[in-house]
Amino acid sequence: MSLNATASEIVSGNSALLSLAMRMMVTALFVVVATFAAERAGAVVGAMIATLPIAAGPAYVFLALDHDAQFIAGSALASLVVNAVTCIFALVYASLAQTRGLLASVLAALATWLALASAARAVPWTIAGAIGVNVVVLAGCLVLGERLRHARLPLARRRWYDVSLRATLVSALVAGVVGLSSALGPSITGTLAVFPVVLLSLMVVLHARLGGSAAAAVLANTMLGLAGFGGACLTALLTVERLGTPLGLTLALTVSVFANLSFWALRRGRRPREQG
């Protein structure tokens, strides 16, 4: 009996590891494709691509395989709140990167995100409260970041580790979120699912390659894209329990893509000669 139990546990463990490895590979592939598109498009388009659910999307899909719609909705509420925190994260970096080095700018932005995300978890959020904080924060960040988004991106040769760095960071995030979700609960899971690993990797890679002003321009443009991502979180929150998780997450992705395409068209119409 014990031998059979042990064999069963080994098979179960191997299946779980294989499943996790597949999830990480799928996510890494998604990041590689998105990265190539972003690096050829300039600041605005790069920012719109970066704020698509590159990391959070796969994380939520895989979470849906292991959890019910109520868990996904609870995670989406936490993700919606933290979306506002991520906008502040982008603003802090974009502001500091004008005059500060890579390490100081990134560490200050990351410390801000960690502090505000931790503080947000202590608040009993409602849907109305989460929407309100996003409206106020995103509007304020857009106004403050407007002057930072116009720098042109110089051409730079891609280094061999640029794409692999982003793919590794996002894959590690998905592995952590999925692996720890049962123990952490929906609130912390929703927070970790939207940890700004894609934006963080863009900061590191672009600042080192193109300089602070150019990297800041990309991050300043992501603030508008985060409005679309917030809409995706809200859509998931409102639909997964009513329509089912697959349809709810599909609608959320649709909202994110449509919003970012609309924002890109708006930026392009206002400044047709702006690079990106």
C-alpha atoms as a PDB file:
ATOM      1  CA  MET A   1       0.000   0.000   0.000  1.00  0.00           C
ATOM      2  CA  SER A   2       2.754   2.424   0.904  1.00  0.00           C
ATOM      3  CA  LEU A   3       4.642   1.630  -2.299  1.00  0.00           C
ATOM      4  CA  ASN A   4       1.539   2.313  -4.381  1.00  0.00           C
ATOM      5  CA  ALA A   5       0.946   5.553  -2.499  1.00  0.00           C
ATOM      6  CA  THR A   6       4.546   6.599  -3.029  1.00  0.00           C
ATOM      7  CA  ALA A   7       4.372   5.830  -6.752  1.00  0.00           C
ATOM      8  CA  SER A   8       1.153   7.801  -7.028  1.00  0.00           C
ATOM      9  CA  GLU A   9       2.708  10.781  -5.273  1.00  0.00           C
ATOM     10  CA  ILE A  10       5.729  10.660  -7.598  1.00  0.00           C
ATOM     11  CA  VAL A  11       3.532  10.558 -10.708  1.00  0.00           C
ATOM     12  CA  SER A  12       1.402  13.402  -9.348  1.00  0.00           C
ATOM     13  CA  GLY A  13       4.488  15.449  -8.526  1.00  0.00           C
ATOM     14  CA  ASN A  14       6.007  14.881 -11.962  1.00  0.00           C
ATOM     15  CA  SER A  15       2.740  15.857 -13.649  1.00  0.00           C
ATOM     16  CA  ALA A  16       2.598  19.058 -11.615  1.00  0.00           C
ATOM     17  CA  LEU A  17       6.189  19.940 -12.519  1.00  0.00           C
ATOM     18  CA  LEU A  18       5.552  19.208 -16.200  1.00  0.00           C
ATOM     19  CA  SER A  19       2.401  21.346 -16.131  1.00  0.00           C
ATOM     20  CA  LEU A  20       4.275  24.214 -14.484  1.00  0.00           C
ATOM     21  CA  ALA A  21       7.133  23.925 -16.979  1.00  0.00           C
ATOM     22  CA  MET A  22       4.691  24.070 -19.882  1.00  0.00           C
ATOM     23  CA  ARG A  23       3.023  27.141 -18.401  1.00  0.00           C
ATOM     24  CA  MET A  24       6.369  28.889 -18.053  1.00  0.00           C
ATOM     25  CA  MET A  25       7.343  28.009 -21.632  1.00  0.00           C
ATOM     26  CA  VAL A  26       4.076  29.318 -23.060  1.00  0.00           C
ATOM     27  CA  THR A  27       4.456  32.564 -21.118  1.00  0.00           C
ATOM     28  CA  ALA A  28       8.098  32.973 -22.175  1.00  0.00           C
ATOM     29  CA  LEU A  29       7.123  32.522 -25.828  1.00  0.00           C
ATOM     30  CA  PHE A  30       4.427  35.184 -25.455  1.00  0.00           C
ATOM     31  CA  VAL A  31       6.973  37.626 -24.005  1.00  0.00           C
ATOM     32  CA  VAL A  32       9.510  36.963 -26.762  1.00  0.00           C
ATOM     33  CA  VAL A  33       6.938  37.678 -29.478  1.00  0.00           C
ATOM     34  CA  ALA A  34       5.706  40.825 -27.725  1.00  0.00           C
ATOM     35  CA  THR A  35       9.272  42.046 -27.178  1.00  0.00           C
ATOM     36  CA  PHE A  36      10.242  41.809 -30.837  1.00  0.00           C
ATOM     37  CA  ALA A  37       7.101  43.744 -31.783  1.00  0.00           C
ATOM     38  CA  ALA A  38       7.706  46.436 -29.175  1.00  0.00           C
ATOM     39  CA  GLU A  39      11.371  47.032 -30.021  1.00  0.00           C
ATOM     40  CA  ARG A  40      10.534  47.723 -33.638  1.00  0.00           C
ATOM     41  CA  ALA A  41       7.668  50.111 -32.950  1.00  0.00           C
ATOM     42  CA  GLY A  42       8.893  52.976 -30.741  1.00  0.00           C
ATOM     43  CA  ALA A  43       7.795  54.411 -27.403  1.00  0.00           C
ATOM     44  CA  VAL A  44       4.018  54.612 -27.804  1.00  0.00           C
ATOM     45  CA  VAL A  45       3.428  51.272 -29.488  1.00  0.00           C
ATOM     46  CA  GLY A  46       6.022  49.640 -27.247  1.00  0.00           C
ATOM     47  CA  ALA A  47       4.196  50.963 -24.195  1.00  0.00           C
ATOM     48  CA  MET A  48       0.814  49.777 -25.494  1.00  0.00           C
ATOM     49  CA  ILE A  49       2.194  46.289 -26.079  1.00  0.00           C
ATOM     50  CA  ALA A  50       3.954  46.235 -22.708  1.00  0.00           C
ATOM     51  CA  THR A  51       0.693  47.029 -20.885  1.00  0.00           C
ATOM     52  CA  LEU A  52      -1.221  44.197 -22.503  1.00  0.00           C
ATOM     53  CA  PRO A  53      -1.685  41.292 -20.049  1.00  0.00           C
ATOM     54  CA  ILE A  54       1.590  39.664 -21.096  1.00  0.00           C
ATOM     55  CA  ALA A  55       2.296  38.290 -17.619  1.00  0.00           C
ATOM     56  CA  ALA A  56      -1.071  38.629 -15.874  1.00  0.00           C
ATOM     57  CA  GLY A  57      -3.008  37.016 -18.738  1.00  0.00           C
ATOM     58  CA  PRO A  58      -1.213  33.668 -18.679  1.00  0.00           C
ATOM     59  CA  ALA A  59      -1.166  33.753 -14.868  1.00  0.00           C
ATOM     60  CA  TYR A  60      -4.944  34.146 -14.759  1.00  0.00           C
ATOM     61  CA  VAL A  61      -5.516  31.474 -17.388  1.00  0.00           C
ATOM     62  CA  PHE A  62      -3.491  28.983 -15.411  1.00  0.00           C
ATOM     63  CA  LEU A  63      -5.108  30.049 -12.137  1.00  0.00           C
ATOM     64  CA  ALA A  64      -8.485  29.372 -13.726  1.00  0.00           C
ATOM     65  CA  LEU A  65      -7.455  25.763 -14.254  1.00  0.00           C
ATOM     66  CA  ASP A  66      -7.058  25.302 -10.498  1.00  0.00           C
ATOM     67  CA  HIS A  67      -9.616  27.685  -8.935  1.00  0.00           C
ATOM     68  CA  ASP A  68     -13.281  28.588  -9.223  1.00  0.00           C
ATOM     69  CA  ALA A  69     -14.800  31.794 -10.565  1.00  0.00           C
ATOM     70  CA  GLN A  70     -15.171  33.316  -7.095  1.00  0.00           C
ATOM     71  CA  PHE A  71     -11.426  32.994  -6.495  1.00  0.00           C
ATOM     72  CA  ILE A  72     -10.672  34.560  -9.888  1.00  0.00           C
ATOM     73  CA  ALA A  73     -13.065  37.451  -9.190  1.00  0.00           C
ATOM     74  CA  GLY A  74     -11.446  38.104  -5.814  1.00  0.00           C
ATOM     75  CA  SER A  75      -8.023  38.104  -7.444  1.00  0.00           C
ATOM     76  CA  ALA A  76      -9.242  40.487 -10.164  1.00  0.00           C
ATOM     77  CA  LEU A  77     -10.427  42.969  -7.522  1.00  0.00           C
ATOM     78  CA  ALA A  78      -6.971  42.970  -5.934  1.00  0.00           C
ATOM     79  CA  SER A  79      -5.365  43.304  -9.372  1.00  0.00           C
ATOM     80  CA  LEU A  80      -7.564  46.300 -10.195  1.00  0.00           C
ATOM     81  CA  VAL A  81      -6.474  48.107  -7.033  1.00  0.00           C
ATOM     82  CA  VAL A  82      -2.801  47.338  -7.612  1.00  0.00           C
ATOM     83  CA  ASN A  83      -3.080  48.592 -11.193  1.00  0.00           C
ATOM     84  CA  ALA A  84      -3.208  52.112  -9.721  1.00  0.00           C
ATOM     85  CA  VAL A  85      -0.077  51.331  -7.712  1.00  0.00           C
ATOM     86  CA  THR A  86       1.684  50.233 -10.900  1.00  0.00           C
ATOM     87  CA  CYS A  87       0.863  53.563 -12.529  1.00  0.00           C
ATOM     88  CA  ILE A  88       2.588  55.368  -9.643  1.00  0.00           C
ATOM     89  CA  PHE A  89       5.492  52.933 -10.035  1.00  0.00           C
ATOM     90  CA  ALA A  90       5.871  53.996 -13.680  1.00  0.00           C
ATOM     91  CA  LEU A  91       5.655  57.686 -12.799  1.00  0.00           C
ATOM     92  CA  VAL A  92       8.300  57.442 -10.070  1.00  0.00           C
ATOM     93  CA  TYR A  93      10.718  55.722 -12.419  1.00  0.00           C
ATOM     94  CA  ALA A  94      10.041  58.045 -15.356  1.00  0.00           C
ATOM     95  CA  SER A  95      10.586  61.095 -13.149  1.00  0.00           C
ATOM     96  CA  LEU A  96      13.798  59.884 -11.543  1.00  0.00           C
ATOM     97  CA  ALA A  97      15.300  58.430 -14.722  1.00  0.00           C
ATOM     98  CA  GLN A  98      15.666  61.941 -16.163  1.00  0.00           C
ATOM     99  CA  THR A  99      18.554  62.692 -13.819  1.00  0.00           C
ATOM    100  CA  ARG A 100      19.286  59.531 -11.850  1.00  0.00           C
ATOM    101  CA  GLY A 101      21.040  56.315 -12.757  1.00  0.00           C
ATOM    102  CA  LEU A 102      19.441  52.954 -13.459  1.00  0.00           C
ATOM    103  CA  LEU A 103      19.862  51.464 -10.001  1.00  0.00           C
ATOM    104  CA  ALA A 104      18.548  54.458  -8.063  1.00  0.00           C
ATOM    105  CA  SER A 105      15.564  54.941 -10.379  1.00  0.00           C
ATOM    106  CA  VAL A 106      14.517  51.283 -10.429  1.00  0.00           C
ATOM    107  CA  LEU A 107      15.003  50.708  -6.701  1.00  0.00           C
ATOM    108  CA  ALA A 108      12.991  53.801  -5.788  1.00  0.00           C
ATOM    109  CA  ALA A 109      10.142  52.784  -8.104  1.00  0.00           C
ATOM    110  CA  LEU A 110      10.194  49.199  -6.838  1.00  0.00           C
ATOM    111  CA  ALA A 111      10.214  50.292  -3.188  1.00  0.00           C
ATOM    112  CA  THR A 112       7.243  52.547  -3.914  1.00  0.00           C
ATOM    113  CA  TRP A 113       5.315  49.702  -5.517  1.00  0.00           C
ATOM    114  CA  LEU A 114       6.016  47.296  -2.662  1.00  0.00           C
ATOM    115  CA  ALA A 115       5.041  49.831  -0.003  1.00  0.00           C
ATOM    116  CA  LEU A 116       1.814  50.926  -1.694  1.00  0.00           C
ATOM    117  CA  ALA A 117       0.779  47.401  -2.687  1.00  0.00           C
ATOM    118  CA  SER A 118       1.275  46.244   0.905  1.00  0.00           C
ATOM    119  CA  ALA A 119      -0.711  49.197   2.221  1.00  0.00           C
ATOM    120  CA  ALA A 120      -3.523  48.527  -0.265  1.00  0.00           C
ATOM    121  CA  ARG A 121      -3.960  45.004   1.062  1.00  0.00           C
ATOM    122  CA  ALA A 122      -4.972  46.415   4.459  1.00  0.00           C
ATOM    123  CA  VAL A 123      -8.009  48.172   2.936  1.00  0.00           C
ATOM    124  CA  PRO A 124     -11.341  46.307   2.535  1.00  0.00           C
ATOM    125  CA  TRP A 125     -11.855  47.294  -1.082  1.00  0.00           C
ATOM    126  CA  THR A 126     -15.198  47.429  -2.847  1.00  0.00           C
ATOM    127  CA  ILE A 127     -15.669  47.549  -6.606  1.00  0.00           C
ATOM    128  CA  ALA A 128     -16.627  51.225  -6.422  1.00  0.00           C
ATOM    129  CA  GLY A 129     -13.586  52.025  -4.295  1.00  0.00           C
ATOM    130  CA  ALA A 130     -11.239  50.191  -6.660  1.00  0.00           C
ATOM    131  CA  ILE A 131     -12.671  52.042  -9.662  1.00  0.00           C
ATOM    132  CA  GLY A 132     -12.429  55.372  -7.854  1.00  0.00           C
ATOM    133  CA  VAL A 133      -8.786  54.978  -6.870  1.00  0.00           C
ATOM    134  CA  ASN A 134      -7.892  53.996 -10.441  1.00  0.00           C
ATOM    135  CA  VAL A 135      -9.652  57.027 -11.923  1.00  0.00           C
ATOM    136  CA  VAL A 136      -7.986  59.456  -9.526  1.00  0.00           C
ATOM    137  CA  VAL A 137      -4.501  57.948  -9.657  1.00  0.00           C
ATOM    138  CA  LEU A 138      -4.378  57.339 -13.404  1.00  0.00           C
ATOM    139  CA  ALA A 139      -5.665  60.839 -14.165  1.00  0.00           C
ATOM    140  CA  GLY A 140      -3.077  62.401 -11.858  1.00  0.00           C
ATOM    141  CA  CYS A 141      -0.228  60.306 -13.241  1.00  0.00           C
ATOM    142  CA  LEU A 142      -1.184  61.100 -16.837  1.00  0.00           C
ATOM    143  CA  VAL A 143      -1.076  64.813 -16.117  1.00  0.00           C
ATOM    144  CA  LEU A 144       2.236  64.631 -14.264  1.00  0.00           C
ATOM    145  CA  GLY A 145       3.816  62.282 -16.803  1.00  0.00           C
ATOM    146  CA  GLU A 146       2.782  64.147 -19.946  1.00  0.00           C
ATOM    147  CA  ARG A 147       6.041  66.089 -20.181  1.00  0.00           C
ATOM    148  CA  LEU A 148       8.106  62.897 -19.896  1.00  0.00           C
ATOM    149  CA  ARG A 149       6.728  60.859 -22.775  1.00  0.00           C
ATOM    150  CA  HIS A 150       8.057  62.719 -25.816  1.00  0.00           C
ATOM    151  CA  ALA A 151      11.719  61.675 -25.939  1.00  0.00           C
ATOM    152  CA  ARG A 152      12.748  59.858 -29.088  1.00  0.00           C
ATOM    153  CA  LEU A 153      14.168  56.359 -28.885  1.00  0.00           C
ATOM    154  CA  PRO A 154      17.588  56.072 -30.530  1.00  0.00           C
ATOM    155  CA  LEU A 155      18.416  52.961 -32.483  1.00  0.00           C
ATOM    156  CA  ALA A 156      20.308  50.376 -30.493  1.00  0.00           C
ATOM    157  CA  ARG A 157      21.648  46.925 -31.175  1.00  0.00           C
ATOM    158  CA  ARG A 158      19.775  44.209 -29.329  1.00  0.00           C
ATOM    159  CA  ARG A 159      21.939  42.231 -26.921  1.00  0.00           C
ATOM    160  CA  TRP A 160      21.570  38.465 -26.759  1.00  0.00           C
ATOM    161  CA  TYR A 161      20.207  38.487 -23.203  1.00  0.00           C
ATOM    162  CA  ASP A 162      17.550  41.210 -23.599  1.00  0.00           C
ATOM    163  CA  VAL A 163      14.672  38.955 -24.616  1.00  0.00           C
ATOM    164  CA  SER A 164      15.767  36.043 -22.441  1.00  0.00           C
ATOM    165  CA  LEU A 165      15.875  38.320 -19.383  1.00  0.00           C
ATOM    166  CA  ARG A 166      12.274  39.406 -19.846  1.00  0.00           C
ATOM    167  CA  ALA A 167      11.095  35.882 -20.656  1.00  0.00           C
ATOM    168  CA  THR A 168      12.818  34.506 -17.543  1.00  0.00           C
ATOM    169  CA  LEU A 169      11.388  37.174 -15.236  1.00  0.00           C
ATOM    170  CA  VAL A 170       7.828  36.745 -16.491  1.00  0.00           C
ATOM    171  CA  SER A 171       8.055  32.945 -16.421  1.00  0.00           C
ATOM    172  CA  ALA A 172       9.282  33.080 -12.833  1.00  0.00           C
ATOM    173  CA  LEU A 173       6.355  35.314 -11.926  1.00  0.00           C
ATOM    174  CA  VAL A 174       3.834  32.894 -13.442  1.00  0.00           C
ATOM    175  CA  ALA A 175       5.489  29.983 -11.653  1.00  0.00           C
ATOM    176  CA  GLY A 176       5.331  31.778  -8.314  1.00  0.00           C
ATOM    177  CA  VAL A 177       1.744  32.972  -8.698  1.00  0.00           C
ATOM    178  CA  VAL A 178       0.388  29.617  -9.823  1.00  0.00           C
ATOM    179  CA  GLY A 179       2.441  27.564  -7.395  1.00  0.00           C
ATOM    180  CA  LEU A 180       1.586  29.646  -4.324  1.00  0.00           C
ATOM    181  CA  SER A 181      -2.007  30.608  -5.152  1.00  0.00           C
ATOM    182  CA  SER A 182      -3.675  27.959  -3.011  1.00  0.00           C
ATOM    183  CA  ALA A 183      -1.695  28.974   0.055  1.00  0.00           C
ATOM    184  CA  LEU A 184      -1.869  32.728  -0.484  1.00  0.00           C
ATOM    185  CA  GLY A 185      -5.554  33.257  -1.245  1.00  0.00           C
ATOM    186  CA  PRO A 186      -7.141  35.504  -3.878  1.00  0.00           C
ATOM    187  CA  SER A 187      -6.005  38.868  -2.490  1.00  0.00           C
ATOM    188  CA  ILE A 188      -2.266  38.191  -2.489  1.00  0.00           C
ATOM    189  CA  THR A 189      -2.578  36.125  -5.671  1.00  0.00           C
ATOM    190  CA  GLY A 190      -4.237  39.040  -7.471  1.00  0.00           C
ATOM    191  CA  THR A 191      -1.486  41.356  -6.241  1.00  0.00           C
ATOM    192  CA  LEU A 192       1.329  39.094  -7.395  1.00  0.00           C
ATOM    193  CA  ALA A 193      -0.350  38.406 -10.736  1.00  0.00           C
ATOM    194  CA  VAL A 194       0.035  42.062 -11.695  1.00  0.00           C
ATOM    195  CA  PHE A 195       3.504  42.611 -10.264  1.00  0.00           C
ATOM    196  CA  PRO A 196       5.045  44.853 -12.962  1.00  0.00           C
ATOM    197  CA  VAL A 197       7.662  42.381 -14.097  1.00  0.00           C
ATOM    198  CA  VAL A 198       7.348  43.353 -17.777  1.00  0.00           C
ATOM    199  CA  LEU A 199       7.679  47.068 -17.018  1.00  0.00           C
ATOM    200  CA  LEU A 200      10.535  46.360 -14.621  1.00  0.00           C
ATOM    201  CA  SER A 201      12.423  44.399 -17.255  1.00  0.00           C
ATOM    202  CA  LEU A 202      11.838  47.208 -19.777  1.00  0.00           C
ATOM    203  CA  MET A 203      13.310  49.697 -17.300  1.00  0.00           C
ATOM    204  CA  VAL A 204      16.439  47.614 -16.826  1.00  0.00           C
ATOM    205  CA  VAL A 205      17.004  46.798 -20.491  1.00  0.00           C
ATOM    206  CA  LEU A 206      16.066  50.140 -22.076  1.00  0.00           C
ATOM    207  CA  HIS A 207      17.790  52.334 -19.476  1.00  0.00           C
ATOM    208  CA  ALA A 208      21.048  50.452 -19.965  1.00  0.00           C
ATOM    209  CA  ARG A 209      20.794  50.491 -23.758  1.00  0.00           C
ATOM    210  CA  LEU A 210      19.142  53.816 -24.610  1.00  0.00           C
ATOM    211  CA  GLY A 211      19.566  56.031 -21.552  1.00  0.00           C
ATOM    212  CA  GLY A 212      17.213  57.295 -18.874  1.00  0.00           C
ATOM    213  CA  SER A 213      15.195  59.776 -20.943  1.00  0.00           C
ATOM    214  CA  ALA A 214      14.329  57.269 -23.659  1.00  0.00           C
ATOM    215  CA  ALA A 215      13.429  54.557 -21.149  1.00  0.00           C
ATOM    216  CA  ALA A 216      11.373  57.086 -19.195  1.00  0.00           C
ATOM    217  CA  ALA A 217       9.447  57.975 -22.359  1.00  0.00           C
ATOM    218  CA  VAL A 218       8.324  54.368 -22.756  1.00  0.00           C
ATOM    219  CA  LEU A 219       7.301  54.105 -19.101  1.00  0.00           C
ATOM    220  CA  ALA A 220       5.487  57.448 -19.228  1.00  0.00           C
ATOM    221  CA  ASN A 221       3.458  56.180 -22.175  1.00  0.00           C
ATOM    222  CA  THR A 222       2.527  53.007 -20.280  1.00  0.00           C
ATOM    223  CA  MET A 223       0.369  55.069 -17.921  1.00  0.00           C
ATOM    224  CA  LEU A 224      -2.311  55.350 -20.608  1.00  0.00           C
ATOM    225  CA  GLY A 225      -2.004  51.660 -21.396  1.00  0.00           C
ATOM    226  CA  LEU A 226      -2.553  50.858 -17.732  1.00  0.00           C
ATOM    227  CA  ALA A 227      -5.995  52.443 -18.045  1.00  0.00           C
ATOM    228  CA  GLY A 228      -6.797  49.728 -20.577  1.00  0.00           C
ATOM    229  CA  PHE A 229      -5.356  47.072 -18.292  1.00  0.00           C
ATOM    230  CA  GLY A 230      -7.497  48.397 -15.453  1.00  0.00           C
ATOM    231  CA  GLY A 231     -10.517  48.042 -17.722  1.00  0.00           C
ATOM    232  CA  ALA A 232      -9.530  44.427 -18.334  1.00  0.00           C
ATOM    233  CA  CYS A 233      -9.300  43.745 -14.582  1.00  0.00           C
ATOM    234  CA  LEU A 234     -12.714  45.339 -14.055  1.00  0.00           C
ATOM    235  CA  THR A 235     -14.212  43.293 -16.882  1.00  0.00           C
ATOM    236  CA  ALA A 236     -12.903  40.072 -15.366  1.00  0.00           C
ATOM    237  CA  LEU A 237     -14.182  41.103 -11.945  1.00  0.00           C
ATOM    238  CA  LEU A 238     -17.686  41.788 -13.243  1.00  0.00           C
ATOM    239  CA  THR A 239     -18.057  38.852 -15.631  1.00  0.00           C
ATOM    240  CA  VAL A 240     -16.270  35.702 -14.475  1.00  0.00           C
ATOM    241  CA  GLU A 241     -18.900  34.770 -11.889  1.00  0.00           C
ATOM    242  CA  ARG A 242     -21.837  35.732 -14.116  1.00  0.00           C
ATOM    243  CA  LEU A 243     -20.664  34.367 -17.464  1.00  0.00           C
ATOM    244  CA  GLY A 244     -18.066  31.813 -16.440  1.00  0.00           C
ATOM    245  CA  THR A 245     -14.318  32.152 -16.170  1.00  0.00           C
ATOM    246  CA  PRO A 246     -13.377  31.327 -19.819  1.00  0.00           C
ATOM    247  CA  LEU A 247     -15.752  33.903 -21.303  1.00  0.00           C
ATOM    248  CA  GLY A 248     -14.980  36.466 -18.603  1.00  0.00           C
ATOM    249  CA  LEU A 249     -11.217  36.272 -19.170  1.00  0.00           C
ATOM    250  CA  THR A 250     -11.723  36.380 -22.944  1.00  0.00           C
ATOM    251  CA  LEU A 251     -13.777  39.547 -22.619  1.00  0.00           C
ATOM    252  CA  ALA A 252     -11.127  41.040 -20.336  1.00  0.00           C
ATOM    253  CA  LEU A 253      -8.416  40.400 -22.921  1.00  0.00           C
ATOM    254  CA  THR A 254     -10.613  41.905 -25.627  1.00  0.00           C
ATOM    255  CA  VAL A 255     -11.107  45.052 -23.569  1.00  0.00           C
ATOM    256  CA  SER A 256      -7.355  45.418 -23.014  1.00  0.00           C
ATOM    257  CA  VAL A 257      -6.486  44.983 -26.682  1.00  0.00           C
ATOM    258  CA  PHE A 258      -9.268  47.283 -27.923  1.00  0.00           C
ATOM    259  CA  ALA A 259      -8.416  49.986 -25.374  1.00  0.00           C
ATOM    260  CA  ASN A 260      -4.715  49.990 -26.214  1.00  0.00           C
ATOM    261  CA  LEU A 261      -5.397  50.073 -29.945  1.00  0.00           C
ATOM    262  CA  SER A 262      -7.683  53.044 -29.342  1.00  0.00           C
ATOM    263  CA  PHE A 263      -5.073  54.817 -27.219  1.00  0.00           C
ATOM    264  CA  TRP A 264      -2.424  54.222 -29.883  1.00  0.00           C
ATOM    265  CA  ALA A 265      -4.716  55.683 -32.555  1.00  0.00           C
ATOM    266  CA  LEU A 266      -5.395  58.680 -30.304  1.00  0.00           C
ATOM    267  CA  ARG A 267      -1.691  59.333 -29.728  1.00  0.00           C
ATOM    268  CA  ARG A 268      -0.944  58.885 -33.411  1.00  0.00           C
ATOM    269  CA  GLY A 269      -3.689  61.297 -34.398  1.00  0.00           C
ATOM    270  CA  ARG A 270      -2.476  63.976 -32.009  1.00  0.00           C
ATOM    271  CA  ARG A 271       1.187  63.735 -32.994  1.00  0.00           C
ATOM    272  CA  PRO A 272       1.507  62.080 -36.407  1.00  0.00           C
ATOM    273  CA  ARG A 273       5.204  62.818 -36.599  1.00  0.00           C
ATOM    274  CA  GLU A 274       6.067  61.522 -33.138  1.00  0.00           C
ATOM    275  CA  GLN A 275       8.295  58.482 -33.230  1.00  0.00           C
ATOM    276  CA  GLY A 276       6.488  55.429 -31.807  1.00  0.00           C
END
